[in-house]
């Protein structure tokens, strides 16, 4: 009986997918900037107004802070992820759900 409960618990835990919010910003400045500039400005705004938390809408204060750094908020996409039990890597869907990719990002 204990084994059956343990197996059921492991299957349920493995089947549940985690969700991550991915916010998208557009560069408003004339010069081109990459992801490292976006991450640096995001870290600055994290310190000034608090972190942008998963599962909570992006605050107006955070959007204003990013706008002051030259970034326009475009929206947030929820990305479902899971951990591959064989490799321990974090995976997510690609190609509209017809495939997946795993990495240790």
C-alpha atoms as a PDB file:
ATOM      1  CA  UNK A   1       0.000   0.000   0.000  1.00  0.00           C
ATOM      2  CA  UNK A   2       2.825   2.407   0.882  1.00  0.00           C
ATOM      3  CA  UNK A   3       4.494   1.720  -2.464  1.00  0.00           C
ATOM      4  CA  UNK A   4       1.286   2.413  -4.345  1.00  0.00           C
ATOM      5  CA  UNK A   5       0.880   5.781  -2.591  1.00  0.00           C
ATOM      6  CA  UNK A   6       4.545   6.631  -3.227  1.00  0.00           C
ATOM      7  CA  UNK A   7       4.281   5.721  -6.928  1.00  0.00           C
ATOM      8  CA  UNK A   8       1.083   7.769  -7.300  1.00  0.00           C
ATOM      9  CA  UNK A   9       2.702  10.774  -5.588  1.00  0.00           C
ATOM     10  CA  UNK A  10       5.786  10.574  -7.816  1.00  0.00           C
ATOM     11  CA  UNK A  11       3.682  10.323 -10.978  1.00  0.00           C
ATOM     12  CA  UNK A  12       1.578  13.314  -9.984  1.00  0.00           C
ATOM     13  CA  UNK A  13       4.627  15.395  -9.067  1.00  0.00           C
ATOM     14  CA  UNK A  14       6.386  14.503 -12.320  1.00  0.00           C
ATOM     15  CA  UNK A  15       3.310  15.213 -14.429  1.00  0.00           C
ATOM     16  CA  UNK A  16       2.709  18.714 -13.136  1.00  0.00           C
ATOM     17  CA  UNK A  17       4.324  21.389 -15.258  1.00  0.00           C
ATOM     18  CA  UNK A  18       5.841  24.518 -13.815  1.00  0.00           C
ATOM     19  CA  UNK A  19       5.013  27.859 -15.350  1.00  0.00           C
ATOM     20  CA  UNK A  20       7.300  30.783 -15.957  1.00  0.00           C
ATOM     21  CA  UNK A  21       6.249  34.276 -16.952  1.00  0.00           C
ATOM     22  CA  UNK A  22       8.382  35.708 -19.766  1.00  0.00           C
ATOM     23  CA  UNK A  23       8.022  39.486 -20.170  1.00  0.00           C
ATOM     24  CA  UNK A  24       8.841  41.035 -23.534  1.00  0.00           C
ATOM     25  CA  UNK A  25      10.318  44.513 -24.003  1.00  0.00           C
ATOM     26  CA  UNK A  26      11.172  46.540 -27.119  1.00  0.00           C
ATOM     27  CA  UNK A  27      14.221  48.794 -27.343  1.00  0.00           C
ATOM     28  CA  UNK A  28      13.115  52.433 -27.828  1.00  0.00           C
ATOM     29  CA  UNK A  29      16.583  53.966 -28.223  1.00  0.00           C
ATOM     30  CA  UNK A  30      18.205  54.734 -31.582  1.00  0.00           C
ATOM     31  CA  UNK A  31      21.289  52.602 -30.902  1.00  0.00           C
ATOM     32  CA  UNK A  32      20.959  48.842 -30.938  1.00  0.00           C
ATOM     33  CA  UNK A  33      21.193  47.040 -27.581  1.00  0.00           C
ATOM     34  CA  UNK A  34      21.226  43.357 -26.785  1.00  0.00           C
ATOM     35  CA  UNK A  35      19.905  41.074 -24.086  1.00  0.00           C
ATOM     36  CA  UNK A  36      22.748  41.961 -21.714  1.00  0.00           C
ATOM     37  CA  UNK A  37      21.570  45.606 -21.666  1.00  0.00           C
ATOM     38  CA  UNK A  38      17.990  44.447 -21.081  1.00  0.00           C
ATOM     39  CA  UNK A  39      19.097  42.223 -18.178  1.00  0.00           C
ATOM     40  CA  UNK A  40      21.181  45.034 -16.659  1.00  0.00           C
ATOM     41  CA  UNK A  41      18.240  47.450 -16.853  1.00  0.00           C
ATOM     42  CA  UNK A  42      15.939  44.776 -15.427  1.00  0.00           C
ATOM     43  CA  UNK A  43      18.327  44.280 -12.484  1.00  0.00           C
ATOM     44  CA  UNK A  44      18.341  48.059 -11.940  1.00  0.00           C
ATOM     45  CA  UNK A  45      14.516  48.140 -11.847  1.00  0.00           C
ATOM     46  CA  UNK A  46      14.451  45.062  -9.572  1.00  0.00           C
ATOM     47  CA  UNK A  47      16.502  47.055  -7.046  1.00  0.00           C
ATOM     48  CA  UNK A  48      14.491  50.275  -7.450  1.00  0.00           C
ATOM     49  CA  UNK A  49      10.881  49.023  -7.412  1.00  0.00           C
ATOM     50  CA  UNK A  50      11.075  45.293  -6.562  1.00  0.00           C
ATOM     51  CA  UNK A  51      11.249  42.149  -8.650  1.00  0.00           C
ATOM     52  CA  UNK A  52       8.780  41.249 -11.390  1.00  0.00           C
ATOM     53  CA  UNK A  53       7.271  38.124  -9.764  1.00  0.00           C
ATOM     54  CA  UNK A  54       5.952  35.044 -11.649  1.00  0.00           C
ATOM     55  CA  UNK A  55       2.198  34.699 -11.535  1.00  0.00           C
ATOM     56  CA  UNK A  56       1.635  38.373 -10.693  1.00  0.00           C
ATOM     57  CA  UNK A  57       0.921  41.016 -13.361  1.00  0.00           C
ATOM     58  CA  UNK A  58       3.863  43.334 -14.071  1.00  0.00           C
ATOM     59  CA  UNK A  59       3.398  46.438 -11.919  1.00  0.00           C
ATOM     60  CA  UNK A  60       2.957  49.921 -13.378  1.00  0.00           C
ATOM     61  CA  UNK A  61       5.990  51.081 -11.362  1.00  0.00           C
ATOM     62  CA  UNK A  62       8.155  48.364 -12.955  1.00  0.00           C
ATOM     63  CA  UNK A  63       6.905  49.281 -16.438  1.00  0.00           C
ATOM     64  CA  UNK A  64       7.654  52.988 -15.772  1.00  0.00           C
ATOM     65  CA  UNK A  65      11.143  52.121 -14.545  1.00  0.00           C
ATOM     66  CA  UNK A  66      11.882  50.063 -17.664  1.00  0.00           C
ATOM     67  CA  UNK A  67      10.421  52.845 -19.860  1.00  0.00           C
ATOM     68  CA  UNK A  68      12.790  55.333 -18.182  1.00  0.00           C
ATOM     69  CA  UNK A  69      15.675  53.024 -19.156  1.00  0.00           C
ATOM     70  CA  UNK A  70      14.537  52.970 -22.822  1.00  0.00           C
ATOM     71  CA  UNK A  71      12.386  49.807 -22.949  1.00  0.00           C
ATOM     72  CA  UNK A  72       8.687  49.517 -23.868  1.00  0.00           C
ATOM     73  CA  UNK A  73       6.695  46.730 -22.203  1.00  0.00           C
ATOM     74  CA  UNK A  74       5.054  44.553 -24.891  1.00  0.00           C
ATOM     75  CA  UNK A  75       3.419  41.890 -22.758  1.00  0.00           C
ATOM     76  CA  UNK A  76       3.949  38.724 -20.768  1.00  0.00           C
ATOM     77  CA  UNK A  77       3.736  35.161 -22.060  1.00  0.00           C
ATOM     78  CA  UNK A  78       3.300  32.182 -19.733  1.00  0.00           C
ATOM     79  CA  UNK A  79       5.760  29.445 -20.644  1.00  0.00           C
ATOM     80  CA  UNK A  80       5.170  25.916 -19.373  1.00  0.00           C
ATOM     81  CA  UNK A  81       8.301  24.028 -18.379  1.00  0.00           C
ATOM     82  CA  UNK A  82       9.139  20.662 -16.863  1.00  0.00           C
ATOM     83  CA  UNK A  83      12.215  18.757 -15.722  1.00  0.00           C
ATOM     84  CA  UNK A  84      13.301  15.741 -17.772  1.00  0.00           C
ATOM     85  CA  UNK A  85      13.628  12.898 -15.236  1.00  0.00           C
ATOM     86  CA  UNK A  86      16.370  11.188 -17.290  1.00  0.00           C
ATOM     87  CA  UNK A  87      18.698  14.171 -17.659  1.00  0.00           C
ATOM     88  CA  UNK A  88      17.536  16.644 -15.002  1.00  0.00           C
ATOM     89  CA  UNK A  89      17.369  19.404 -17.644  1.00  0.00           C
ATOM     90  CA  UNK A  90      14.569  21.983 -17.829  1.00  0.00           C
ATOM     91  CA  UNK A  91      12.425  21.516 -20.955  1.00  0.00           C
ATOM     92  CA  UNK A  92       9.827  23.567 -22.838  1.00  0.00           C
ATOM     93  CA  UNK A  93       7.671  23.094 -25.933  1.00  0.00           C
ATOM     94  CA  UNK A  94       8.699  24.300 -29.379  1.00  0.00           C
ATOM     95  CA  UNK A  95       6.994  24.201 -32.783  1.00  0.00           C
ATOM     96  CA  UNK A  96       3.560  24.785 -31.290  1.00  0.00           C
ATOM     97  CA  UNK A  97       3.801  21.717 -29.068  1.00  0.00           C
ATOM     98  CA  UNK A  98       5.071  19.317 -31.758  1.00  0.00           C
ATOM     99  CA  UNK A  99       8.492  19.134 -30.127  1.00  0.00           C
ATOM    100  CA  UNK A 100      10.445  20.123 -27.073  1.00  0.00           C
ATOM    101  CA  UNK A 101      13.890  21.386 -26.206  1.00  0.00           C
ATOM    102  CA  UNK A 102      15.780  20.869 -22.942  1.00  0.00           C
ATOM    103  CA  UNK A 103      18.740  22.778 -21.517  1.00  0.00           C
ATOM    104  CA  UNK A 104      20.267  23.785 -18.219  1.00  0.00           C
ATOM    105  CA  UNK A 105      19.653  27.515 -18.700  1.00  0.00           C
END
